[in-house]
Amino acid sequence: MDLSRLRGIIPPLVTPLHPDGALNLDALPTLVEFALGQGVHGIFTPGSQSEAYALSADERCRVIEATLAAVNGRVPVIAGSGAITTRDAIALSREAERLGADALSIITPYFITPSQDELYAHYAAIAEAVSIPILAYSNPSRTGGVKLTPTTLARLAQDIPHMVGVKDSSGDLTETAAIIRACPDDFRVFVGRDTLIYGGLCYGAVGAVALTANVVPGLLVGIYDAFQAGDHAQARALQDRLAVLRDGLPRFGSYPVPVKEALNLMGLPAGPARRPILPLSEEQRADLRDLLRSVGVDV
């Protein structure tokens, strides 16, 4: 694919579920059209906000296939194909490539704590098994502190032509800047923290994979567009507005349900989160509605 298309605002699309927790793939086109209608530059699924951790391998592939059909080539679709073991990550990555994904996003193994040499070998083996672009995914807060260091990422970028970037969810702009300095100029760094989109762009990131892009995609696209136009005051103002939403969401239930509940309040068919995560109470929903209205969402 044209790597210049890997940029901008990319929502980690929620996975719509029926009330009983079964996949509701018929609802995916509605969610895709909402995001694309507000100008997002790609779709990422299944990621953390997509509840990839709660999906079987078969379900993950069905979600990727349905998303590809709904997007129909209009923007790149990045498939989340990470797993704890190299064997399972290879199997998922090969299937995502077969289904037609434009690129892969592969989170570091979780539960275990591999060394940097083991992480290098993990990604190198996956890359050998597929030919489409790969974005590494470093999210220490969700993987027991496991992260890809700037040195390891630079080594992967140098040795593997289709290791083209990373989603850095460290939440540490010092780390983001170090990755950008260490890696080649064309290595594509995405920030994975909604509150750091403007800061990441200032450091040289090419965009963001941000969970609030499910709820207010136009607001995030506005940050990106204002930055690209050189309007830093507008970009900062929109980033401040987004921070109100992002900082407020954790008050309303366990991750990842607040985003799904927000979409439900907006009339979009997200459905529940998979158990053990429970729905919000009516009081929590009322407070969430107030938060959404405070940032301009019509609910």
Protein backbone atom coordinates (compact mmCIF):
# COMPACT_ATOMS: atom_id res chain seq x y z
CA MET A 1 0.00 0.00 0.00
CA ASP A 2 0.96 3.67 -0.29
CA LEU A 3 2.48 4.30 3.14
CA SER A 4 1.60 7.99 2.94
CA ARG A 5 -1.97 6.88 3.63
CA LEU A 6 -0.92 5.63 7.07
CA ARG A 7 -1.45 8.90 8.90
CA GLY A 8 -3.98 11.03 10.70
CA ILE A 9 -6.77 10.02 13.05
CA ILE A 10 -7.57 6.32 13.27
CA PRO A 11 -10.26 5.05 15.65
CA PRO A 12 -9.76 1.66 17.31
CA LEU A 13 -13.30 0.78 16.30
CA VAL A 14 -15.53 -0.71 18.99
CA THR A 15 -16.82 -4.22 18.35
CA PRO A 16 -20.64 -4.13 18.38
CA LEU A 17 -22.26 -6.83 20.47
CA HIS A 18 -25.79 -8.07 21.02
CA PRO A 19 -27.21 -7.88 24.57
CA ASP A 20 -26.17 -11.49 25.14
CA GLY A 21 -22.55 -10.71 24.21
CA ALA A 22 -22.60 -12.27 20.74
CA LEU A 23 -21.04 -10.40 17.83
CA ASN A 24 -23.39 -7.99 16.07
CA LEU A 25 -21.58 -7.67 12.77
CA ASP A 26 -24.65 -6.23 11.07
CA ALA A 27 -24.06 -3.08 13.13
CA LEU A 28 -20.47 -2.57 11.94
CA PRO A 29 -21.35 -0.61 8.77
CA THR A 30 -23.24 1.98 10.87
CA LEU A 31 -20.21 2.53 13.10
CA VAL A 32 -17.86 2.66 10.12
CA GLU A 33 -20.02 5.21 8.29
CA PHE A 34 -20.22 7.42 11.37
CA ALA A 35 -16.43 7.53 11.67
CA LEU A 36 -15.73 7.92 7.95
CA GLY A 37 -18.39 10.60 7.67
CA GLN A 38 -16.37 12.78 10.03
CA GLY A 39 -13.15 12.41 8.13
CA VAL A 40 -11.07 9.77 9.91
CA HIS A 41 -8.06 8.57 7.96
CA GLY A 42 -8.23 4.86 8.73
CA ILE A 43 -9.84 2.17 10.87
CA PHE A 44 -8.05 -0.07 13.38
CA THR A 45 -9.69 -3.30 14.50
CA PRO A 46 -9.64 -5.27 16.68
CA GLY A 47 -7.65 -3.29 19.22
CA SER A 48 -7.95 -2.79 22.94
CA GLN A 49 -11.07 -0.62 22.71
CA SER A 50 -12.38 -3.19 20.23
CA GLU A 51 -12.18 -5.78 23.05
CA ALA A 52 -9.67 -7.90 21.12
CA TYR A 53 -8.67 -9.50 24.42
CA ALA A 54 -12.24 -10.82 24.81
CA LEU A 55 -12.61 -12.22 21.29
CA SER A 56 -11.68 -15.68 20.07
CA ALA A 57 -9.30 -15.94 17.12
CA ASP A 58 -12.23 -16.80 14.87
CA GLU A 59 -14.22 -13.78 16.12
CA ARG A 60 -11.27 -11.47 15.56
CA CYS A 61 -11.02 -12.63 11.97
CA ARG A 62 -14.76 -12.23 11.43
CA VAL A 63 -14.57 -8.66 12.76
CA ILE A 64 -11.67 -7.86 10.43
CA GLU A 65 -13.51 -9.33 7.44
CA ALA A 66 -16.73 -7.45 8.19
CA THR A 67 -14.85 -4.19 8.73
CA LEU A 68 -12.99 -4.55 5.44
CA ALA A 69 -16.30 -5.08 3.67
CA ALA A 70 -17.85 -2.02 5.30
CA VAL A 71 -14.87 0.23 4.58
CA ASN A 72 -14.58 -1.06 1.01
CA GLY A 73 -11.17 0.44 0.37
CA ARG A 74 -12.02 4.05 1.25
CA VAL A 75 -9.35 4.26 3.98
CA PRO A 76 -6.70 1.82 5.19
CA VAL A 77 -7.82 -0.90 7.58
CA ILE A 78 -5.21 -1.85 10.15
CA ALA A 79 -5.83 -5.29 11.64
CA GLY A 80 -4.85 -6.05 15.21
CA SER A 81 -3.14 -9.43 15.08
CA GLY A 82 -1.05 -9.55 18.23
CA ALA A 83 -1.05 -12.50 20.62
CA ILE A 84 0.90 -13.80 23.60
CA THR A 85 2.75 -16.42 21.55
CA THR A 86 4.62 -15.91 18.32
CA ARG A 87 2.83 -18.90 16.81
CA ASP A 88 -0.61 -17.45 17.44
CA ALA A 89 0.40 -13.97 16.27
CA ILE A 90 1.72 -15.46 13.02
CA ALA A 91 -1.52 -17.37 12.45
CA LEU A 92 -3.66 -14.26 13.06
CA SER A 93 -1.39 -12.09 10.94
CA ARG A 94 -1.46 -14.50 8.01
CA GLU A 95 -5.25 -14.68 8.15
CA ALA A 96 -5.59 -10.89 8.34
CA GLU A 97 -3.35 -10.56 5.29
CA ARG A 98 -5.41 -13.18 3.45
CA LEU A 99 -8.62 -11.30 4.27
CA GLY A 100 -7.19 -8.15 2.70
CA ALA A 101 -6.03 -5.99 5.61
CA ASP A 102 -3.88 -3.06 4.50
CA ALA A 103 -1.54 -3.28 7.48
CA LEU A 104 -1.12 -5.07 10.79
CA SER A 105 -0.83 -3.72 14.32
CA ILE A 106 0.88 -6.17 16.65
CA ILE A 107 0.89 -5.52 20.37
CA THR A 108 3.76 -6.78 22.49
CA PRO A 109 3.01 -10.08 24.24
CA TYR A 110 1.19 -9.65 27.53
CA PHE A 111 1.10 -11.61 30.81
CA ILE A 112 4.69 -12.69 30.16
CA THR A 113 7.64 -10.27 30.23
CA PRO A 114 9.92 -10.99 27.27
CA SER A 115 13.30 -9.32 26.94
CA GLN A 116 14.09 -6.88 24.14
CA ASP A 117 15.94 -9.64 22.25
CA GLU A 118 12.90 -11.88 22.59
CA LEU A 119 10.65 -9.07 21.37
CA TYR A 120 12.92 -8.50 18.38
CA ALA A 121 12.79 -12.21 17.51
CA HIS A 122 8.99 -12.22 17.97
CA TYR A 123 8.43 -9.38 15.52
CA ALA A 124 11.05 -10.66 13.08
CA ALA A 125 9.33 -14.06 12.90
CA ILE A 126 5.93 -12.48 12.30
CA ALA A 127 7.35 -10.19 9.63
CA GLU A 128 8.90 -13.16 7.85
CA ALA A 129 5.45 -14.79 7.67
CA VAL A 130 3.62 -11.87 6.01
CA SER A 131 4.32 -9.22 3.40
CA ILE A 132 2.02 -6.32 4.32
CA PRO A 133 3.15 -3.35 6.45
CA ILE A 134 3.46 -3.90 10.18
CA LEU A 135 3.00 -1.36 12.97
CA ALA A 136 4.36 -2.46 16.31
CA TYR A 137 2.16 -1.60 19.28
CA SER A 138 3.67 -0.69 22.64
CA ASN A 139 1.18 -0.28 25.49
CA PRO A 140 3.03 -0.85 28.79
CA SER A 141 0.05 -0.10 31.03
CA ARG A 142 -1.90 -2.98 29.43
CA THR A 143 0.96 -5.44 29.06
CA GLY A 144 2.48 -5.59 32.53
CA GLY A 145 5.08 -2.95 31.76
CA VAL A 146 6.36 -4.64 28.59
CA LYS A 147 7.40 -2.07 26.00
CA LEU A 148 9.49 -1.81 22.88
CA THR A 149 12.46 0.46 23.50
CA PRO A 150 13.50 3.04 20.91
CA THR A 151 16.65 0.97 20.28
CA THR A 152 14.65 -2.18 19.55
CA LEU A 153 12.23 -0.33 17.29
CA ALA A 154 15.14 1.23 15.40
CA ARG A 155 16.70 -2.22 14.96
CA LEU A 156 13.43 -3.64 13.64
CA ALA A 157 12.92 -0.70 11.29
CA GLN A 158 16.45 -1.07 9.94
CA ASP A 159 16.32 -4.83 9.45
CA ILE A 160 12.73 -5.35 8.26
CA PRO A 161 11.51 -3.23 5.32
CA HIS A 162 7.82 -3.72 6.06
CA MET A 163 8.16 -2.86 9.77
CA VAL A 164 6.96 0.65 9.04
CA GLY A 165 5.86 2.20 12.31
CA VAL A 166 4.54 1.93 15.84
CA LYS A 167 1.54 2.85 17.91
CA ASP A 168 3.11 4.25 21.07
CA SER A 169 0.63 4.14 23.96
CA SER A 170 3.23 4.77 26.63
CA GLY A 171 1.66 8.14 27.43
CA ASP A 172 5.18 9.51 27.73
CA LEU A 173 6.15 12.16 25.17
CA THR A 174 9.79 11.74 26.17
CA GLU A 175 9.49 8.12 25.00
CA THR A 176 7.67 9.16 21.83
CA ALA A 177 10.35 11.72 20.99
CA ALA A 178 13.09 9.16 21.62
CA ILE A 179 11.43 6.71 19.21
CA ILE A 180 11.16 9.39 16.53
CA ARG A 181 14.83 10.32 16.95
CA ALA A 182 16.04 6.71 16.93
CA CYS A 183 14.07 5.47 13.92
CA PRO A 184 14.36 6.35 10.22
CA ASP A 185 12.63 9.51 9.00
CA ASP A 186 9.93 7.51 7.22
CA PHE A 187 9.09 5.39 10.31
CA ARG A 188 5.48 6.21 11.15
CA VAL A 189 4.83 6.92 14.82
CA PHE A 190 1.24 7.14 16.06
CA VAL A 191 0.43 8.30 19.57
CA GLY A 192 -2.02 6.12 21.45
CA ARG A 193 -3.09 8.63 24.11
CA ASP A 194 -5.98 10.94 23.26
CA THR A 195 -4.66 13.76 25.46
CA LEU A 196 -1.29 13.82 23.66
CA ILE A 197 -2.35 14.14 20.02
CA TYR A 198 -1.24 17.74 19.61
CA GLY A 199 1.97 17.15 21.57
CA GLY A 200 2.77 14.05 19.55
CA LEU A 201 2.27 15.88 16.28
CA CYS A 202 4.61 18.61 17.48
CA TYR A 203 7.30 16.00 18.12
CA GLY A 204 6.85 14.47 14.68
CA ALA A 205 4.19 11.77 15.05
CA VAL A 206 2.07 11.20 11.94
CA GLY A 207 -1.22 10.78 13.76
CA ALA A 208 -3.10 9.07 16.57
CA VAL A 209 -4.99 5.87 17.28
CA ALA A 210 -7.33 7.18 19.95
CA LEU A 211 -10.37 5.61 21.59
CA THR A 212 -12.37 8.88 21.66
CA ALA A 213 -12.25 8.85 17.86
CA ASN A 214 -15.16 6.43 18.17
CA VAL A 215 -17.28 9.09 19.89
CA VAL A 216 -16.08 12.46 18.57
CA PRO A 217 -14.08 11.64 15.44
CA GLY A 218 -14.63 15.10 13.99
CA LEU A 219 -13.05 16.74 17.02
CA LEU A 220 -9.90 14.66 16.67
CA VAL A 221 -9.75 15.23 12.93
CA GLY A 222 -10.03 18.93 13.74
CA ILE A 223 -6.89 18.76 15.90
CA TYR A 224 -5.00 17.04 13.11
CA ASP A 225 -6.24 19.36 10.37
CA ALA A 226 -5.53 22.51 12.39
CA PHE A 227 -2.00 21.30 13.08
CA GLN A 228 -1.39 20.50 9.42
CA ALA A 229 -2.64 23.99 8.52
CA GLY A 230 -0.23 25.58 11.00
CA ASP A 231 -3.05 26.81 13.25
CA HIS A 232 -1.51 25.80 16.56
CA ALA A 233 -3.89 27.89 18.65
CA GLN A 234 -6.89 26.03 17.20
CA ALA A 235 -5.18 22.66 17.55
CA ARG A 236 -4.44 23.35 21.22
CA ALA A 237 -7.97 24.60 21.88
CA LEU A 238 -9.48 21.46 20.38
CA GLN A 239 -7.00 19.29 22.29
CA ASP A 240 -8.08 20.98 25.54
CA ARG A 241 -11.72 20.30 24.69
CA LEU A 242 -10.96 16.65 23.95
CA ALA A 243 -9.11 16.32 27.27
CA VAL A 244 -12.34 17.14 29.13
CA LEU A 245 -13.96 14.10 27.54
CA ARG A 246 -10.99 11.75 27.79
CA ASP A 247 -10.21 12.62 31.40
CA GLY A 248 -13.88 12.29 32.33
CA LEU A 249 -14.65 8.90 30.78
CA PRO A 250 -12.97 6.70 33.43
CA ARG A 251 -15.40 8.03 36.05
CA PHE A 252 -18.25 6.15 34.39
CA GLY A 253 -17.26 2.52 34.60
CA SER A 254 -14.53 0.05 33.80
CA TYR A 255 -12.60 0.23 30.54
CA PRO A 256 -13.77 -0.25 27.81
CA VAL A 257 -17.47 0.27 28.59
CA PRO A 258 -17.63 4.11 28.81
CA VAL A 259 -16.99 4.54 25.07
CA LYS A 260 -19.58 1.91 24.17
CA GLU A 261 -22.13 3.46 26.52
CA ALA A 262 -21.41 6.89 24.99
CA LEU A 263 -22.10 5.51 21.52
CA ASN A 264 -25.30 3.87 22.73
CA LEU A 265 -26.45 7.21 24.15
CA MET A 266 -25.72 8.76 20.75
CA GLY A 267 -28.00 6.22 19.07
CA LEU A 268 -25.17 4.17 17.60
CA PRO A 269 -25.31 0.36 17.91
CA ALA A 270 -22.28 -0.42 20.07
CA GLY A 271 -24.08 -2.68 22.52
CA PRO A 272 -22.57 -3.83 25.83
CA ALA A 273 -19.01 -4.71 26.72
CA ARG A 274 -18.27 -8.36 27.22
CA ARG A 275 -18.52 -9.65 30.78
CA PRO A 276 -17.06 -9.37 33.34
CA ILE A 277 -17.39 -5.65 32.45
CA LEU A 278 -20.89 -4.55 33.46
CA PRO A 279 -23.16 -1.89 31.96
CA LEU A 280 -23.44 1.52 33.58
CA SER A 281 -26.19 2.35 36.05
CA GLU A 282 -28.87 4.81 35.04
CA GLU A 283 -27.24 7.42 37.27
CA GLN A 284 -23.89 6.85 35.55
CA ARG A 285 -25.53 7.13 32.14
CA ALA A 286 -27.12 10.44 33.12
CA ASP A 287 -23.75 11.79 34.24
CA LEU A 288 -22.09 10.49 31.06
CA ARG A 289 -24.76 12.24 28.99
CA ASP A 290 -23.91 15.49 30.77
CA LEU A 291 -20.21 15.02 30.01
CA LEU A 292 -20.95 14.40 26.34
CA ARG A 293 -23.11 17.48 26.13
CA SER A 294 -20.36 19.55 27.76
CA VAL A 295 -18.07 18.83 24.80
CA GLY A 296 -20.74 19.43 22.18
CA VAL A 297 -22.12 15.95 21.56
CA ASP A 298 -25.87 15.96 20.81
CA VAL A 299 -27.40 13.34 23.13
